[in-house]
Amino acid sequence: MPHVYILRCVDDSFYTGSTTDLAWRLEQHQAGFGGDYTRRRLPVELAWTAEFERIDEAFAWERRIHRWNRAKKLALIEGRYDDLQGWSRRSRGR
């Protein structure tokens, strides 16, 4: 199933991505093959993830979350969904 995920990097920054194989993608990031951003900020840990029915839905949410500021990403990670406009069950496709 497609996932959107947020990683917390060693410098306390966040990296957002999407994948159809979450476990494999996390291994890539930890091994330094996940991308330039995470390679320079190892180790990383999974801070948040959501599963979607289709990859295009996951990718759309990845792009949306990329534009969010740190406070909004923290609200998502902490499960404060009421603080997030547009994060209803319907808009997530669930």
PDB file of N, CA and C in Angstrom:
ATOM      1  N   MET A   1       0.830  -1.185   0.000  1.00  0.00           N
ATOM      2  CA  MET A   1       0.000   0.000   0.000  1.00  0.00           C
ATOM      3  C   MET A   1       0.878   1.253   0.000  1.00  0.00           C
ATOM      4  N   PRO A   2       0.450   2.273  -0.674  1.00  0.00           N
ATOM      5  CA  PRO A   2       1.189   3.538  -0.689  1.00  0.00           C
ATOM      6  C   PRO A   2       1.151   4.238   0.674  1.00  0.00           C
ATOM      7  N   HIS A   3       2.250   4.841   1.016  1.00  0.00           N
ATOM      8  CA  HIS A   3       2.378   5.585   2.271  1.00  0.00           C
ATOM      9  C   HIS A   3       2.955   6.965   2.014  1.00  0.00           C
ATOM     10  N   VAL A   4       2.587   7.889   2.873  1.00  0.00           N
ATOM     11  CA  VAL A   4       3.280   9.163   3.028  1.00  0.00           C
ATOM     12  C   VAL A   4       3.949   9.058   4.388  1.00  0.00           C
ATOM     13  N   TYR A   5       5.148   9.586   4.510  1.00  0.00           N
ATOM     14  CA  TYR A   5       5.850   9.486   5.782  1.00  0.00           C
ATOM     15  C   TYR A   5       6.630  10.766   6.054  1.00  0.00           C
ATOM     16  N   ILE A   6       6.873  10.985   7.327  1.00  0.00           N
ATOM     17  CA  ILE A   6       7.734  12.085   7.769  1.00  0.00           C
ATOM     18  C   ILE A   6       8.827  11.470   8.629  1.00  0.00           C
ATOM     19  N   LEU A   7      10.065  11.810   8.296  1.00  0.00           N
ATOM     20  CA  LEU A   7      11.211  11.386   9.090  1.00  0.00           C
ATOM     21  C   LEU A   7      11.710  12.559   9.910  1.00  0.00           C
ATOM     22  N   ARG A   8      12.120  12.262  11.134  1.00  0.00           N
ATOM     23  CA  ARG A   8      12.805  13.262  11.952  1.00  0.00           C
ATOM     24  C   ARG A   8      14.296  12.980  11.806  1.00  0.00           C
ATOM     25  N   CYS A   9      15.025  13.964  11.359  1.00  0.00           N
ATOM     26  CA  CYS A   9      16.460  13.816  11.131  1.00  0.00           C
ATOM     27  C   CYS A   9      17.237  14.147  12.404  1.00  0.00           C
ATOM     28  N   VAL A  10      18.510  13.784  12.420  1.00  0.00           N
ATOM     29  CA  VAL A  10      19.345  13.990  13.598  1.00  0.00           C
ATOM     30  C   VAL A  10      19.436  15.467  13.979  1.00  0.00           C
ATOM     31  N   ASP A  11      19.299  16.371  13.039  1.00  0.00           N
ATOM     32  CA  ASP A  11      19.340  17.807  13.336  1.00  0.00           C
ATOM     33  C   ASP A  11      17.955  18.353  13.718  1.00  0.00           C
ATOM     34  N   ASP A  12      16.983  17.465  13.938  1.00  0.00           N
ATOM     35  CA  ASP A  12      15.607  17.774  14.330  1.00  0.00           C
ATOM     36  C   ASP A  12      14.793  18.421  13.204  1.00  0.00           C
ATOM     37  N   SER A  13      15.271  18.321  11.986  1.00  0.00           N
ATOM     38  CA  SER A  13      14.481  18.766  10.839  1.00  0.00           C
ATOM     39  C   SER A  13      13.616  17.601  10.374  1.00  0.00           C
ATOM     40  N   PHE A  14      12.689  17.892   9.464  1.00  0.00           N
ATOM     41  CA  PHE A  14      11.785  16.866   8.960  1.00  0.00           C
ATOM     42  C   PHE A  14      11.988  16.653   7.473  1.00  0.00           C
ATOM     43  N   TYR A  15      11.809  15.404   7.057  1.00  0.00           N
ATOM     44  CA  TYR A  15      11.843  15.029   5.650  1.00  0.00           C
ATOM     45  C   TYR A  15      10.537  14.320   5.352  1.00  0.00           C
ATOM     46  N   THR A  16       9.857  14.711   4.290  1.00  0.00           N
ATOM     47  CA  THR A  16       8.593  14.100   3.907  1.00  0.00           C
ATOM     48  C   THR A  16       8.774  13.350   2.591  1.00  0.00           C
ATOM     49  N   GLY A  17       8.216  12.144   2.519  1.00  0.00           N
ATOM     50  CA  GLY A  17       8.305  11.352   1.302  1.00  0.00           C
ATOM     51  C   GLY A  17       7.089  10.465   1.133  1.00  0.00           C
ATOM     52  N   SER A  18       7.040   9.773   0.010  1.00  0.00           N
ATOM     53  CA  SER A  18       5.979   8.794  -0.237  1.00  0.00           C
ATOM     54  C   SER A  18       6.603   7.579  -0.907  1.00  0.00           C
ATOM     55  N   THR A  19       5.969   6.431  -0.719  1.00  0.00           N
ATOM     56  CA  THR A  19       6.505   5.177  -1.231  1.00  0.00           C
ATOM     57  C   THR A  19       5.418   4.115  -1.258  1.00  0.00           C
ATOM     58  N   THR A  20       5.647   3.073  -2.025  1.00  0.00           N
ATOM     59  CA  THR A  20       4.745   1.918  -2.001  1.00  0.00           C
ATOM     60  C   THR A  20       5.292   0.813  -1.105  1.00  0.00           C
ATOM     61  N   ASP A  21       6.532   0.956  -0.622  1.00  0.00           N
ATOM     62  CA  ASP A  21       7.146  -0.035   0.268  1.00  0.00           C
ATOM     63  C   ASP A  21       7.862   0.705   1.396  1.00  0.00           C
ATOM     64  N   LEU A  22       7.153   0.952   2.474  1.00  0.00           N
ATOM     65  CA  LEU A  22       7.667   1.786   3.556  1.00  0.00           C
ATOM     66  C   LEU A  22       8.906   1.190   4.218  1.00  0.00           C
ATOM     67  N   ALA A  23       8.883  -0.085   4.538  1.00  0.00           N
ATOM     68  CA  ALA A  23      10.029  -0.706   5.221  1.00  0.00           C
ATOM     69  C   ALA A  23      11.297  -0.600   4.380  1.00  0.00           C
ATOM     70  N   TRP A  24      11.182  -0.893   3.103  1.00  0.00           N
ATOM     71  CA  TRP A  24      12.334  -0.809   2.194  1.00  0.00           C
ATOM     72  C   TRP A  24      12.848   0.619   2.084  1.00  0.00           C
ATOM     73  N   ARG A  25      11.923   1.577   1.989  1.00  0.00           N
ATOM     74  CA  ARG A  25      12.319   2.985   1.856  1.00  0.00           C
ATOM     75  C   ARG A  25      13.021   3.476   3.113  1.00  0.00           C
ATOM     76  N   LEU A  26      12.545   3.074   4.278  1.00  0.00           N
ATOM     77  CA  LEU A  26      13.205   3.471   5.523  1.00  0.00           C
ATOM     78  C   LEU A  26      14.610   2.893   5.595  1.00  0.00           C
ATOM     79  N   GLU A  27      14.779   1.656   5.158  1.00  0.00           N
ATOM     80  CA  GLU A  27      16.116   1.054   5.112  1.00  0.00           C
ATOM     81  C   GLU A  27      17.036   1.854   4.193  1.00  0.00           C
ATOM     82  N   GLN A  28      16.504   2.287   3.051  1.00  0.00           N
ATOM     83  CA  GLN A  28      17.297   3.102   2.132  1.00  0.00           C
ATOM     84  C   GLN A  28      17.765   4.382   2.807  1.00  0.00           C
ATOM     85  N   HIS A  29      16.851   5.067   3.469  1.00  0.00           N
ATOM     86  CA  HIS A  29      17.216   6.311   4.148  1.00  0.00           C
ATOM     87  C   HIS A  29      18.301   6.056   5.191  1.00  0.00           C
ATOM     88  N   GLN A  30      18.129   5.033   6.023  1.00  0.00           N
ATOM     89  CA  GLN A  30      19.098   4.754   7.083  1.00  0.00           C
ATOM     90  C   GLN A  30      20.472   4.388   6.521  1.00  0.00           C
ATOM     91  N   ALA A  31      20.484   3.765   5.351  1.00  0.00           N
ATOM     92  CA  ALA A  31      21.754   3.364   4.725  1.00  0.00           C
ATOM     93  C   ALA A  31      22.401   4.514   3.949  1.00  0.00           C
ATOM     94  N   GLY A  32      21.737   5.660   3.893  1.00  0.00           N
ATOM     95  CA  GLY A  32      22.306   6.808   3.194  1.00  0.00           C
ATOM     96  C   GLY A  32      21.968   6.860   1.719  1.00  0.00           C
ATOM     97  N   PHE A  33      21.021   6.031   1.262  1.00  0.00           N
ATOM     98  CA  PHE A  33      20.629   5.998  -0.136  1.00  0.00           C
ATOM     99  C   PHE A  33      19.244   6.602  -0.388  1.00  0.00           C
ATOM    100  N   GLY A  34      18.659   7.236   0.621  1.00  0.00           N
ATOM    101  CA  GLY A  34      17.306   7.753   0.502  1.00  0.00           C
ATOM    102  C   GLY A  34      17.216   9.100  -0.167  1.00  0.00           C
ATOM    103  N   GLY A  35      18.289   9.810  -0.237  1.00  0.00           N
ATOM    104  CA  GLY A  35      18.298  11.129  -0.848  1.00  0.00           C
ATOM    105  C   GLY A  35      19.353  12.000  -0.200  1.00  0.00           C
ATOM    106  N   ASP A  36      19.728  13.060  -0.878  1.00  0.00           N
ATOM    107  CA  ASP A  36      20.771  13.951  -0.369  1.00  0.00           C
ATOM    108  C   ASP A  36      20.419  14.553   0.979  1.00  0.00           C
ATOM    109  N   TYR A  37      19.165  14.955   1.136  1.00  0.00           N
ATOM    110  CA  TYR A  37      18.761  15.622   2.373  1.00  0.00           C
ATOM    111  C   TYR A  37      18.977  14.708   3.578  1.00  0.00           C
ATOM    112  N   THR A  38      18.463  13.496   3.519  1.00  0.00           N
ATOM    113  CA  THR A  38      18.594  12.601   4.673  1.00  0.00           C
ATOM    114  C   THR A  38      20.003  12.043   4.805  1.00  0.00           C
ATOM    115  N   ARG A  39      20.707  11.874   3.720  1.00  0.00           N
ATOM    116  CA  ARG A  39      22.075  11.348   3.765  1.00  0.00           C
ATOM    117  C   ARG A  39      22.968  12.242   4.631  1.00  0.00           C
ATOM    118  N   ARG A  40      22.736  13.539   4.598  1.00  0.00           N
ATOM    119  CA  ARG A  40      23.533  14.495   5.379  1.00  0.00           C
ATOM    120  C   ARG A  40      23.024  14.650   6.810  1.00  0.00           C
ATOM    121  N   ARG A  41      21.912  13.972   7.148  1.00  0.00           N
ATOM    122  CA  ARG A  41      21.288  14.177   8.452  1.00  0.00           C
ATOM    123  C   ARG A  41      20.969  12.855   9.155  1.00  0.00           C
ATOM    124  N   LEU A  42      21.832  11.885   9.010  1.00  0.00           N
ATOM    125  CA  LEU A  42      21.621  10.576   9.630  1.00  0.00           C
ATOM    126  C   LEU A  42      22.042  10.599  11.096  1.00  0.00           C
ATOM    127  N   PRO A  43      21.433   9.764  11.920  1.00  0.00           N
ATOM    128  CA  PRO A  43      20.346   8.843  11.602  1.00  0.00           C
ATOM    129  C   PRO A  43      19.000   9.561  11.546  1.00  0.00           C
ATOM    130  N   VAL A  44      18.043   8.896  10.925  1.00  0.00           N
ATOM    131  CA  VAL A  44      16.680   9.405  10.851  1.00  0.00           C
ATOM    132  C   VAL A  44      15.748   8.415  11.548  1.00  0.00           C
ATOM    133  N   GLU A  45      14.602   8.922  11.977  1.00  0.00           N
ATOM    134  CA  GLU A  45      13.604   8.032  12.575  1.00  0.00           C
ATOM    135  C   GLU A  45      12.238   8.373  12.008  1.00  0.00           C
ATOM    136  N   LEU A  46      11.405   7.369  11.902  1.00  0.00           N
ATOM    137  CA  LEU A  46      10.056   7.572  11.399  1.00  0.00           C
ATOM    138  C   LEU A  46       9.249   8.311  12.458  1.00  0.00           C
ATOM    139  N   ALA A  47       8.745   9.479  12.095  1.00  0.00           N
ATOM    140  CA  ALA A  47       7.964  10.291  13.028  1.00  0.00           C
ATOM    141  C   ALA A  47       6.471  10.130  12.801  1.00  0.00           C
ATOM    142  N   TRP A  48       6.083   9.864  11.551  1.00  0.00           N
ATOM    143  CA  TRP A  48       4.658   9.783  11.214  1.00  0.00           C
ATOM    144  C   TRP A  48       4.500   9.082   9.870  1.00  0.00           C
ATOM    145  N   THR A  49       3.391   8.382   9.697  1.00  0.00           N
ATOM    146  CA  THR A  49       3.070   7.775   8.416  1.00  0.00           C
ATOM    147  C   THR A  49       1.558   7.643   8.265  1.00  0.00           C
ATOM    148  N   ALA A  50       1.098   7.636   7.034  1.00  0.00           N
ATOM    149  CA  ALA A  50      -0.311   7.380   6.713  1.00  0.00           C
ATOM    150  C   ALA A  50      -0.358   6.521   5.466  1.00  0.00           C
ATOM    151  N   GLU A  51      -1.329   5.637   5.425  1.00  0.00           N
ATOM    152  CA  GLU A  51      -1.501   4.730   4.296  1.00  0.00           C
ATOM    153  C   GLU A  51      -2.665   5.201   3.433  1.00  0.00           C
ATOM    154  N   PHE A  52      -2.513   5.050   2.129  1.00  0.00           N
ATOM    155  CA  PHE A  52      -3.529   5.468   1.168  1.00  0.00           C
ATOM    156  C   PHE A  52      -3.866   4.322   0.231  1.00  0.00           C
ATOM    157  N   GLU A  53      -4.992   4.433  -0.411  1.00  0.00           N
ATOM    158  CA  GLU A  53      -5.426   3.405  -1.362  1.00  0.00           C
ATOM    159  C   GLU A  53      -4.612   3.451  -2.656  1.00  0.00           C
ATOM    160  N   ARG A  54      -4.294   4.668  -3.097  1.00  0.00           N
ATOM    161  CA  ARG A  54      -3.610   4.827  -4.400  1.00  0.00           C
ATOM    162  C   ARG A  54      -2.366   5.694  -4.235  1.00  0.00           C
ATOM    163  N   ILE A  55      -1.354   5.425  -5.058  1.00  0.00           N
ATOM    164  CA  ILE A  55      -0.099   6.169  -4.976  1.00  0.00           C
ATOM    165  C   ILE A  55      -0.292   7.639  -5.331  1.00  0.00           C
ATOM    166  N   ASP A  56      -1.208   7.954  -6.233  1.00  0.00           N
ATOM    167  CA  ASP A  56      -1.397   9.361  -6.584  1.00  0.00           C
ATOM    168  C   ASP A  56      -1.957  10.147  -5.396  1.00  0.00           C
ATOM    169  N   GLU A  57      -2.769   9.504  -4.560  1.00  0.00           N
ATOM    170  CA  GLU A  57      -3.272  10.170  -3.352  1.00  0.00           C
ATOM    171  C   GLU A  57      -2.128  10.413  -2.365  1.00  0.00           C
ATOM    172  N   ALA A  58      -1.288   9.412  -2.191  1.00  0.00           N
ATOM    173  CA  ALA A  58      -0.150   9.550  -1.289  1.00  0.00           C
ATOM    174  C   ALA A  58       0.789  10.646  -1.783  1.00  0.00           C
ATOM    175  N   PHE A  59       1.064  10.655  -3.078  1.00  0.00           N
ATOM    176  CA  PHE A  59       1.960  11.663  -3.637  1.00  0.00           C
ATOM    177  C   PHE A  59       1.373  13.064  -3.486  1.00  0.00           C
ATOM    178  N   ALA A  60       0.068  13.201  -3.674  1.00  0.00           N
ATOM    179  CA  ALA A  60      -0.576  14.509  -3.516  1.00  0.00           C
ATOM    180  C   ALA A  60      -0.435  15.014  -2.081  1.00  0.00           C
ATOM    181  N   TRP A  61      -0.597  14.118  -1.109  1.00  0.00           N
ATOM    182  CA  TRP A  61      -0.429  14.538   0.286  1.00  0.00           C
ATOM    183  C   TRP A  61       1.034  14.832   0.597  1.00  0.00           C
ATOM    184  N   GLU A  62       1.947  14.084   0.004  1.00  0.00           N
ATOM    185  CA  GLU A  62       3.365  14.404   0.193  1.00  0.00           C
ATOM    186  C   GLU A  62       3.646  15.823  -0.267  1.00  0.00           C
ATOM    187  N   ARG A  63       3.182  16.170  -1.458  1.00  0.00           N
ATOM    188  CA  ARG A  63       3.413  17.512  -1.999  1.00  0.00           C
ATOM    189  C   ARG A  63       2.778  18.574  -1.111  1.00  0.00           C
ATOM    190  N   ARG A  64       1.583  18.286  -0.586  1.00  0.00           N
ATOM    191  CA  ARG A  64       0.904  19.240   0.292  1.00  0.00           C
ATOM    192  C   ARG A  64       1.709  19.448   1.575  1.00  0.00           C
ATOM    193  N   ILE A  65       2.136  18.349   2.193  1.00  0.00           N
ATOM    194  CA  ILE A  65       2.866  18.441   3.458  1.00  0.00           C
ATOM    195  C   ILE A  65       4.216  19.138   3.271  1.00  0.00           C
ATOM    196  N   HIS A  66       4.845  18.962   2.129  1.00  0.00           N
ATOM    197  CA  HIS A  66       6.116  19.653   1.837  1.00  0.00           C
ATOM    198  C   HIS A  66       5.982  21.161   2.035  1.00  0.00           C
ATOM    199  N   ARG A  67       4.839  21.703   1.718  1.00  0.00           N
ATOM    200  CA  ARG A  67       4.646  23.157   1.797  1.00  0.00           C
ATOM    201  C   ARG A  67       4.305  23.643   3.205  1.00  0.00           C
ATOM    202  N   TRP A  68       4.044  22.734   4.114  1.00  0.00           N
ATOM    203  CA  TRP A  68       3.662  23.125   5.471  1.00  0.00           C
ATOM    204  C   TRP A  68       4.869  23.597   6.268  1.00  0.00           C
ATOM    205  N   ASN A  69       4.598  24.493   7.222  1.00  0.00           N
ATOM    206  CA  ASN A  69       5.666  24.932   8.116  1.00  0.00           C
ATOM    207  C   ASN A  69       5.889  23.887   9.206  1.00  0.00           C
ATOM    208  N   ARG A  70       6.913  24.085   9.982  1.00  0.00           N
ATOM    209  CA  ARG A  70       7.290  23.120  11.024  1.00  0.00           C
ATOM    210  C   ARG A  70       6.163  22.911  12.037  1.00  0.00           C
ATOM    211  N   ALA A  71       5.503  23.989  12.454  1.00  0.00           N
ATOM    212  CA  ALA A  71       4.444  23.884  13.458  1.00  0.00           C
ATOM    213  C   ALA A  71       3.299  23.002  12.959  1.00  0.00           C
ATOM    214  N   LYS A  72       2.953  23.141  11.707  1.00  0.00           N
ATOM    215  CA  LYS A  72       1.864  22.341  11.151  1.00  0.00           C
ATOM    216  C   LYS A  72       2.282  20.873  11.028  1.00  0.00           C
ATOM    217  N   LYS A  73       3.530  20.630  10.650  1.00  0.00           N
ATOM    218  CA  LYS A  73       4.028  19.254  10.592  1.00  0.00           C
ATOM    219  C   LYS A  73       4.037  18.628  11.980  1.00  0.00           C
ATOM    220  N   LEU A  74       4.428  19.396  12.995  1.00  0.00           N
ATOM    221  CA  LEU A  74       4.413  18.880  14.357  1.00  0.00           C
ATOM    222  C   LEU A  74       2.998  18.545  14.804  1.00  0.00           C
ATOM    223  N   ALA A  75       2.034  19.368  14.442  1.00  0.00           N
ATOM    224  CA  ALA A  75       0.636  19.081  14.783  1.00  0.00           C
ATOM    225  C   ALA A  75       0.214  17.744  14.170  1.00  0.00           C
ATOM    226  N   LEU A  76       0.616  17.505  12.937  1.00  0.00           N
ATOM    227  CA  LEU A  76       0.299  16.240  12.271  1.00  0.00           C
ATOM    228  C   LEU A  76       0.965  15.073  12.995  1.00  0.00           C
ATOM    229  N   ILE A  77       2.245  15.199  13.286  1.00  0.00           N
ATOM    230  CA  ILE A  77       3.000  14.143  13.962  1.00  0.00           C
ATOM    231  C   ILE A  77       2.400  13.839  15.336  1.00  0.00           C
ATOM    232  N   GLU A  78       1.981  14.876  16.024  1.00  0.00           N
ATOM    233  CA  GLU A  78       1.432  14.717  17.370  1.00  0.00           C
ATOM    234  C   GLU A  78      -0.039  14.311  17.365  1.00  0.00           C
ATOM    235  N   GLY A  79      -0.629  14.186  16.185  1.00  0.00           N
ATOM    236  CA  GLY A  79      -2.018  13.737  16.102  1.00  0.00           C
ATOM    237  C   GLY A  79      -3.037  14.803  16.411  1.00  0.00           C
ATOM    238  N   ARG A  80      -2.652  16.063  16.345  1.00  0.00           N
ATOM    239  CA  ARG A  80      -3.586  17.163  16.594  1.00  0.00           C
ATOM    240  C   ARG A  80      -4.287  17.542  15.287  1.00  0.00           C
ATOM    241  N   TYR A  81      -5.096  16.613  14.778  1.00  0.00           N
ATOM    242  CA  TYR A  81      -5.730  16.758  13.471  1.00  0.00           C
ATOM    243  C   TYR A  81      -6.719  17.917  13.413  1.00  0.00           C
ATOM    244  N   ASP A  82      -7.321  18.255  14.543  1.00  0.00           N
ATOM    245  CA  ASP A  82      -8.266  19.377  14.558  1.00  0.00           C
ATOM    246  C   ASP A  82      -7.566  20.700  14.248  1.00  0.00           C
ATOM    247  N   ASP A  83      -6.261  20.753  14.456  1.00  0.00           N
ATOM    248  CA  ASP A  83      -5.478  21.950  14.156  1.00  0.00           C
ATOM    249  C   ASP A  83      -5.090  22.046  12.687  1.00  0.00           C
ATOM    250  N   LEU A  84      -5.428  21.014  11.909  1.00  0.00           N
ATOM    251  CA  LEU A  84      -5.004  20.950  10.515  1.00  0.00           C
ATOM    252  C   LEU A  84      -6.195  21.102   9.585  1.00  0.00           C
ATOM    253  N   GLN A  85      -6.288  22.209   8.953  1.00  0.00           N
ATOM    254  CA  GLN A  85      -7.332  22.410   7.959  1.00  0.00           C
ATOM    255  C   GLN A  85      -7.070  21.498   6.769  1.00  0.00           C
ATOM    256  N   GLY A  86      -8.080  20.799   6.305  1.00  0.00           N
ATOM    257  CA  GLY A  86      -7.925  19.948   5.132  1.00  0.00           C
ATOM    258  C   GLY A  86      -7.490  18.534   5.422  1.00  0.00           C
ATOM    259  N   TRP A  87      -7.413  18.143   6.696  1.00  0.00           N
ATOM    260  CA  TRP A  87      -6.955  16.800   7.017  1.00  0.00           C
ATOM    261  C   TRP A  87      -8.121  15.945   7.528  1.00  0.00           C
ATOM    262  N   SER A  88      -9.266  16.103   6.953  1.00  0.00           N
ATOM    263  CA  SER A  88     -10.421  15.298   7.344  1.00  0.00           C
ATOM    264  C   SER A  88     -10.291  13.889   6.787  1.00  0.00           C
ATOM    265  N   ARG A  89     -11.068  12.964   7.308  1.00  0.00           N
ATOM    266  CA  ARG A  89     -11.057  11.595   6.793  1.00  0.00           C
ATOM    267  C   ARG A  89     -11.387  11.588   5.302  1.00  0.00           C
ATOM    268  N   ARG A  90     -12.346  12.407   4.930  1.00  0.00           N
ATOM    269  CA  ARG A  90     -12.772  12.442   3.521  1.00  0.00           C
ATOM    270  C   ARG A  90     -11.628  12.879   2.610  1.00  0.00           C
ATOM    271  N   SER A  91     -10.898  13.913   2.994  1.00  0.00           N
ATOM    272  CA  SER A  91      -9.816  14.393   2.130  1.00  0.00           C
ATOM    273  C   SER A  91      -8.623  13.449   2.113  1.00  0.00           C
ATOM    274  N   ARG A  92      -8.493  12.580   3.133  1.00  0.00           N
ATOM    275  CA  ARG A  92      -7.422  11.583   3.143  1.00  0.00           C
ATOM    276  C   ARG A  92      -7.787  10.376   2.316  1.00  0.00           C
ATOM    277  N   GLY A  93      -9.059  10.260   1.910  1.00  0.00           N
ATOM    278  CA  GLY A  93      -9.451   9.129   1.103  1.00  0.00           C
ATOM    279  C   GLY A  93      -9.772   7.892   1.897  1.00  0.00           C
ATOM    280  N   ARG A  94     -10.043   8.056   3.172  1.00  0.00           N
ATOM    281  CA  ARG A  94     -10.338   6.896   4.024  1.00  0.00           C
ATOM    282  C   ARG A  94     -11.809   6.810   4.296  1.00  0.00           C
TER     283      ARG A  94
END
